[in-house]
Amino acid sequence: MYTIDLTGKNALIFGVANQRSIAWAITQTLNQAGARIALSYQNERLRENVERLAPALSSAHPEPVEGSKSPLLVQCDVTREEDLASAFQKIKEQMGQLHMIVHSIAFAQREDLGGSFSKTTLEGFRAALDVSAYSLVAITRHAAPLMADGGSILTLTFLASERAFPGYNVMGTAKAALENEVRQLAYELGPRNIRVNAVSAGPLDTLSSRVIHGYTDMKRIAAERAPLKRNITHDEVARAALFLLSDLSSGVTGEVLHVDAGYNIMGI
């Protein structure tokens, strides 16, 4: 009989924007399992949202959890090497080591999420790949030295990495790169007992999904064609993430786990 107890484990989460973020659902689940949480925010403008959510974590347990503390807040623009170095130095000083990383970051210019993919500008292409894909490489480079006892790194992807989704455009390209990184990093870090995996989530209502052209149709079609005949929930993604981040998945690395009510298996 196994239970998921993350007491004494430290988790750093990138991508909490508001209460509807997938990263926030994962954060709450890790917190409930006993992990100590550090939340990254991009800049001062976004700090307020994270500060508003953070107190819910320190009060999530009806009884005090051994070693639990209020969440650590860390400013980090993942496109700036100096921010990454500063953030992970703070993590080292305040937490000592890391056991889990959640990478739930994606960005594309609004004009590149709709219309003709061939009209994507070089600037827009670079921005999407930099933030949505390369950031996992940069974060892992800084995180690995703090995972002396091994650890688990998780990122969020989408089926557009494999198939064409009208309106998703350059983000599909970014997700394809991201999934390739998962495999390469899993191979590189495996000897250090650091696992790297991804969850490919079905359509979910988030701040970012609302700007995707055709998102409403994407969500409706997914529910109609998926074997479970419904859309997924934030909680379902969070529980899958908990599995991949915990020791219950100790033999799993380099994988993309689809949490999409089975939509990915359908040919029609």
Protein backbone atom coordinates (compact mmCIF):
# COMPACT_ATOMS: atom_id res chain seq x y z
CA MET A 1 0.00 0.00 0.00
CA TYR A 2 1.51 3.30 -1.11
CA THR A 3 0.61 6.83 -0.14
CA ILE A 4 2.07 10.04 -1.50
CA ASP A 5 3.78 11.88 1.34
CA LEU A 6 6.02 14.75 0.27
CA THR A 7 6.88 15.93 3.76
CA GLY A 8 10.46 17.20 3.78
CA LYS A 9 10.49 17.72 0.00
CA ASN A 10 10.98 21.10 -1.66
CA ALA A 11 9.18 22.12 -4.84
CA LEU A 12 9.74 25.14 -7.08
CA ILE A 13 6.85 26.06 -9.36
CA PHE A 14 7.05 28.30 -12.42
CA GLY A 15 3.88 29.58 -14.04
CA VAL A 16 1.33 30.51 -11.37
CA ALA A 17 -0.51 33.50 -12.84
CA ASN A 18 -3.85 33.31 -11.03
CA GLN A 19 -6.22 30.84 -9.38
CA ARG A 20 -7.13 29.27 -12.74
CA SER A 21 -3.55 28.41 -13.67
CA ILE A 22 -2.70 24.75 -14.13
CA ALA A 23 0.43 25.49 -12.12
CA TRP A 24 -1.72 26.67 -9.21
CA ALA A 25 -3.74 23.45 -9.22
CA ILE A 26 -0.50 21.47 -9.13
CA THR A 27 0.87 23.70 -6.38
CA GLN A 28 -2.14 23.08 -4.16
CA THR A 29 -1.89 19.33 -4.66
CA LEU A 30 1.82 19.27 -3.80
CA ASN A 31 1.15 21.42 -0.75
CA GLN A 32 -1.58 19.09 0.46
CA ALA A 33 0.86 16.19 0.15
CA GLY A 34 3.23 17.99 2.52
CA ALA A 35 5.79 19.60 0.20
CA ARG A 36 7.34 22.94 0.99
CA ILE A 37 6.59 25.32 -1.86
CA ALA A 38 8.52 28.06 -3.64
CA LEU A 39 6.62 30.11 -6.20
CA SER A 40 8.31 32.00 -9.01
CA TYR A 41 6.84 35.16 -10.51
CA GLN A 42 8.12 37.00 -13.56
CA ASN A 43 8.17 40.61 -12.35
CA GLU A 44 6.75 43.03 -9.81
CA ARG A 45 3.56 43.45 -11.85
CA LEU A 46 2.73 39.76 -11.38
CA ARG A 47 3.92 39.51 -7.80
CA GLU A 48 0.61 40.76 -6.42
CA ASN A 49 -1.34 37.80 -7.81
CA VAL A 50 1.10 35.30 -6.35
CA GLU A 51 1.15 37.06 -2.99
CA ARG A 52 -2.64 36.93 -2.89
CA LEU A 53 -2.65 33.14 -3.45
CA ALA A 54 0.32 32.18 -1.26
CA PRO A 55 -1.41 32.36 2.18
CA ALA A 56 -3.78 29.54 1.15
CA LEU A 57 -0.78 27.20 1.06
CA SER A 58 0.48 27.80 4.58
CA SER A 59 -3.02 27.15 5.97
CA ALA A 60 -3.89 24.12 3.82
CA HIS A 61 -3.15 21.54 6.52
CA PRO A 62 -5.60 21.20 9.42
CA GLU A 63 -2.63 20.23 11.58
CA PRO A 64 0.93 21.53 11.21
CA VAL A 65 3.08 19.48 8.85
CA GLU A 66 6.55 18.72 10.12
CA GLY A 67 9.03 21.10 8.54
CA SER A 68 6.32 23.09 6.75
CA LYS A 69 6.77 26.81 6.27
CA SER A 70 5.06 29.59 4.38
CA PRO A 71 5.79 29.48 0.65
CA LEU A 72 8.93 31.19 -0.58
CA LEU A 73 8.35 33.77 -3.32
CA VAL A 74 11.10 34.24 -5.91
CA GLN A 75 11.22 36.75 -8.74
CA CYS A 76 12.54 35.24 -11.97
CA ASP A 77 12.19 36.28 -15.59
CA VAL A 78 13.25 33.03 -17.26
CA THR A 79 14.52 34.88 -20.34
CA ARG A 80 17.19 36.62 -18.24
CA GLU A 81 20.21 34.59 -17.16
CA GLU A 82 20.91 36.98 -14.29
CA ASP A 83 17.38 36.46 -12.94
CA LEU A 84 17.78 32.69 -13.08
CA ALA A 85 21.12 32.83 -11.27
CA SER A 86 19.71 35.12 -8.58
CA ALA A 87 16.53 33.07 -8.11
CA PHE A 88 18.33 29.77 -7.70
CA GLN A 89 20.86 31.32 -5.34
CA LYS A 90 17.94 32.42 -3.17
CA ILE A 91 16.46 28.92 -3.34
CA LYS A 92 19.81 27.46 -2.28
CA GLU A 93 20.08 29.85 0.66
CA GLN A 94 16.48 29.45 1.84
CA MET A 95 15.74 25.80 1.02
CA GLY A 96 19.13 24.15 0.68
CA GLN A 97 18.06 21.70 -2.00
CA LEU A 98 15.28 20.98 -4.47
CA HIS A 99 13.36 17.79 -5.11
CA MET A 100 10.73 18.94 -7.61
CA ILE A 101 10.43 21.50 -10.40
CA VAL A 102 7.20 22.38 -12.20
CA HIS A 103 7.66 24.21 -15.52
CA SER A 104 4.29 25.58 -16.62
CA ILE A 105 5.39 28.50 -18.78
CA ALA A 106 4.24 29.37 -22.28
CA PHE A 107 4.08 32.55 -24.30
CA ALA A 108 3.45 33.67 -27.86
CA GLN A 109 2.60 37.05 -29.24
CA ARG A 110 -1.15 37.47 -29.65
CA GLU A 111 -0.85 38.07 -33.39
CA ASP A 112 0.88 34.68 -33.76
CA LEU A 113 -2.04 32.76 -32.20
CA GLY A 114 -4.38 32.80 -35.17
CA GLY A 115 -4.29 33.47 -38.87
CA SER A 116 -1.64 32.00 -41.13
CA PHE A 117 1.24 30.18 -39.50
CA SER A 118 3.45 31.14 -42.47
CA LYS A 119 3.10 34.78 -41.44
CA THR A 120 4.81 34.17 -38.10
CA THR A 121 7.63 36.69 -37.79
CA LEU A 122 11.15 35.73 -36.77
CA GLU A 123 10.69 37.86 -33.66
CA GLY A 124 7.46 36.05 -32.78
CA PHE A 125 8.99 32.64 -33.46
CA ARG A 126 11.99 33.37 -31.26
CA ALA A 127 9.82 34.72 -28.44
CA ALA A 128 7.60 31.63 -28.39
CA LEU A 129 10.51 29.18 -28.50
CA ASP A 130 12.55 31.14 -25.96
CA VAL A 131 9.88 31.37 -23.27
CA SER A 132 7.92 28.20 -23.94
CA ALA A 133 10.72 25.74 -24.72
CA TYR A 134 14.25 26.98 -24.05
CA SER A 135 13.27 28.09 -20.54
CA LEU A 136 13.04 24.41 -19.51
CA VAL A 137 16.67 23.91 -20.51
CA ALA A 138 17.77 27.03 -18.65
CA ILE A 139 15.79 26.17 -15.51
CA THR A 140 17.08 22.60 -15.49
CA ARG A 141 20.68 23.78 -15.83
CA HIS A 142 20.31 25.80 -12.64
CA ALA A 143 18.11 23.31 -10.78
CA ALA A 144 20.16 20.13 -11.28
CA PRO A 145 23.01 21.15 -8.93
CA LEU A 146 20.42 21.57 -6.14
CA MET A 147 19.09 18.04 -6.70
CA ALA A 148 21.95 16.17 -5.08
CA ASP A 149 19.61 13.43 -3.88
CA GLY A 150 17.83 13.16 -7.22
CA GLY A 151 14.56 14.75 -8.15
CA SER A 152 11.73 15.13 -10.60
CA ILE A 153 11.18 17.83 -13.22
CA LEU A 154 7.78 18.23 -14.86
CA THR A 155 6.63 20.39 -17.76
CA LEU A 156 3.23 20.97 -19.39
CA THR A 157 2.62 20.34 -23.07
CA PHE A 158 -0.27 19.92 -25.52
CA LEU A 159 -1.21 17.62 -28.39
CA ALA A 160 -0.43 20.40 -30.90
CA SER A 161 3.16 19.19 -30.59
CA GLU A 162 2.13 16.25 -32.78
CA ARG A 163 -0.85 17.51 -34.77
CA ALA A 164 -2.07 20.70 -36.42
CA PHE A 165 -4.50 22.73 -34.31
CA PRO A 166 -5.79 25.78 -36.21
CA GLY A 167 -5.03 28.89 -34.20
CA TYR A 168 -2.36 27.30 -31.99
CA ASN A 169 0.25 27.97 -34.67
CA VAL A 170 3.75 28.70 -33.37
CA MET A 171 2.89 27.34 -29.92
CA GLY A 172 2.60 23.89 -31.50
CA THR A 173 6.15 24.25 -32.75
CA ALA A 174 7.27 25.32 -29.28
CA LYS A 175 5.57 22.35 -27.65
CA ALA A 176 7.24 19.97 -30.12
CA ALA A 177 10.61 21.39 -29.11
CA LEU A 178 9.66 21.15 -25.45
CA GLU A 179 8.84 17.45 -25.72
CA ASN A 180 12.13 16.73 -27.44
CA GLU A 181 13.89 18.51 -24.59
CA VAL A 182 12.11 16.24 -22.10
CA ARG A 183 13.67 13.19 -23.76
CA GLN A 184 17.13 14.69 -24.07
CA LEU A 185 17.21 16.00 -20.50
CA ALA A 186 15.87 12.69 -19.19
CA TYR A 187 18.77 10.89 -20.86
CA GLU A 188 21.36 13.38 -19.64
CA LEU A 189 20.17 13.56 -16.03
CA GLY A 190 19.15 9.94 -15.55
CA PRO A 191 22.52 8.90 -14.07
CA ARG A 192 21.97 11.56 -11.38
CA ASN A 193 18.53 10.10 -10.54
CA ILE A 194 16.80 13.21 -11.86
CA ARG A 195 13.70 12.36 -13.85
CA VAL A 196 12.13 14.60 -16.50
CA ASN A 197 8.57 14.12 -17.73
CA ALA A 198 5.65 16.02 -19.23
CA VAL A 199 1.88 16.07 -18.90
CA SER A 200 0.00 16.71 -22.13
CA ALA A 201 -3.24 18.22 -20.90
CA GLY A 202 -6.44 18.58 -22.84
CA PRO A 203 -8.10 22.01 -23.26
CA LEU A 204 -8.51 23.84 -19.95
CA ASP A 205 -9.82 27.30 -19.17
CA THR A 206 -6.82 29.40 -18.21
CA LEU A 207 -5.67 32.96 -18.72
CA SER A 208 -3.57 31.94 -21.72
CA SER A 209 -6.08 29.61 -23.40
CA ARG A 210 -8.59 32.41 -23.77
CA VAL A 211 -6.39 34.22 -26.30
CA ILE A 212 -6.07 31.20 -28.63
CA HIS A 213 -8.14 31.67 -31.76
CA GLY A 214 -10.77 28.92 -31.93
CA TYR A 215 -10.25 27.74 -28.34
CA THR A 216 -13.99 27.35 -27.70
CA ASP A 217 -14.32 25.04 -30.72
CA MET A 218 -11.20 23.15 -29.65
CA LYS A 219 -12.71 22.46 -26.24
CA ARG A 220 -16.11 21.44 -27.66
CA ILE A 221 -14.64 19.05 -30.22
CA ALA A 222 -12.36 17.46 -27.63
CA ALA A 223 -15.35 16.67 -25.41
CA GLU A 224 -17.35 15.26 -28.32
CA ARG A 225 -14.62 12.95 -29.62
CA ALA A 226 -12.76 11.87 -26.49
CA PRO A 227 -13.57 8.34 -25.30
CA LEU A 228 -14.71 9.73 -21.94
CA LYS A 229 -17.01 12.19 -23.75
CA ARG A 230 -16.02 15.15 -21.63
CA ASN A 231 -13.31 17.66 -20.97
CA ILE A 232 -10.77 17.24 -18.21
CA THR A 233 -10.42 19.25 -15.01
CA HIS A 234 -7.54 21.14 -13.43
CA ASP A 235 -7.60 18.65 -10.58
CA GLU A 236 -7.09 15.70 -12.92
CA VAL A 237 -3.95 17.31 -14.33
CA ALA A 238 -2.72 18.14 -10.82
CA ARG A 239 -3.13 14.54 -9.64
CA ALA A 240 -1.24 13.22 -12.67
CA ALA A 241 1.50 15.75 -11.91
CA LEU A 242 1.62 14.59 -8.30
CA PHE A 243 2.21 11.04 -9.51
CA LEU A 244 5.03 12.05 -11.85
CA LEU A 245 6.68 14.27 -9.25
CA SER A 246 6.51 11.69 -6.47
CA ASP A 247 8.43 8.47 -5.90
CA LEU A 248 5.42 6.46 -7.10
CA SER A 249 6.76 7.13 -10.61
CA SER A 250 10.38 6.38 -9.72
CA GLY A 251 10.81 4.23 -12.84
CA VAL A 252 9.31 6.78 -15.23
CA THR A 253 11.36 9.35 -17.14
CA GLY A 254 11.33 10.92 -20.59
CA GLU A 255 7.58 10.32 -20.87
CA VAL A 256 4.68 12.45 -22.08
CA LEU A 257 1.58 11.45 -20.12
CA HIS A 258 -1.66 12.44 -21.87
CA VAL A 259 -4.39 13.67 -19.55
CA ASP A 260 -7.05 14.50 -22.11
CA ALA A 261 -9.95 12.07 -21.53
CA GLY A 262 -8.36 9.87 -24.22
CA TYR A 263 -8.71 12.36 -27.06
CA ASN A 264 -5.14 11.69 -28.26
CA ILE A 265 -5.92 8.08 -29.24
CA MET A 266 -8.71 8.97 -31.66
CA GLY A 267 -8.28 8.97 -35.41
CA ILE A 268 -11.69 10.47 -36.16
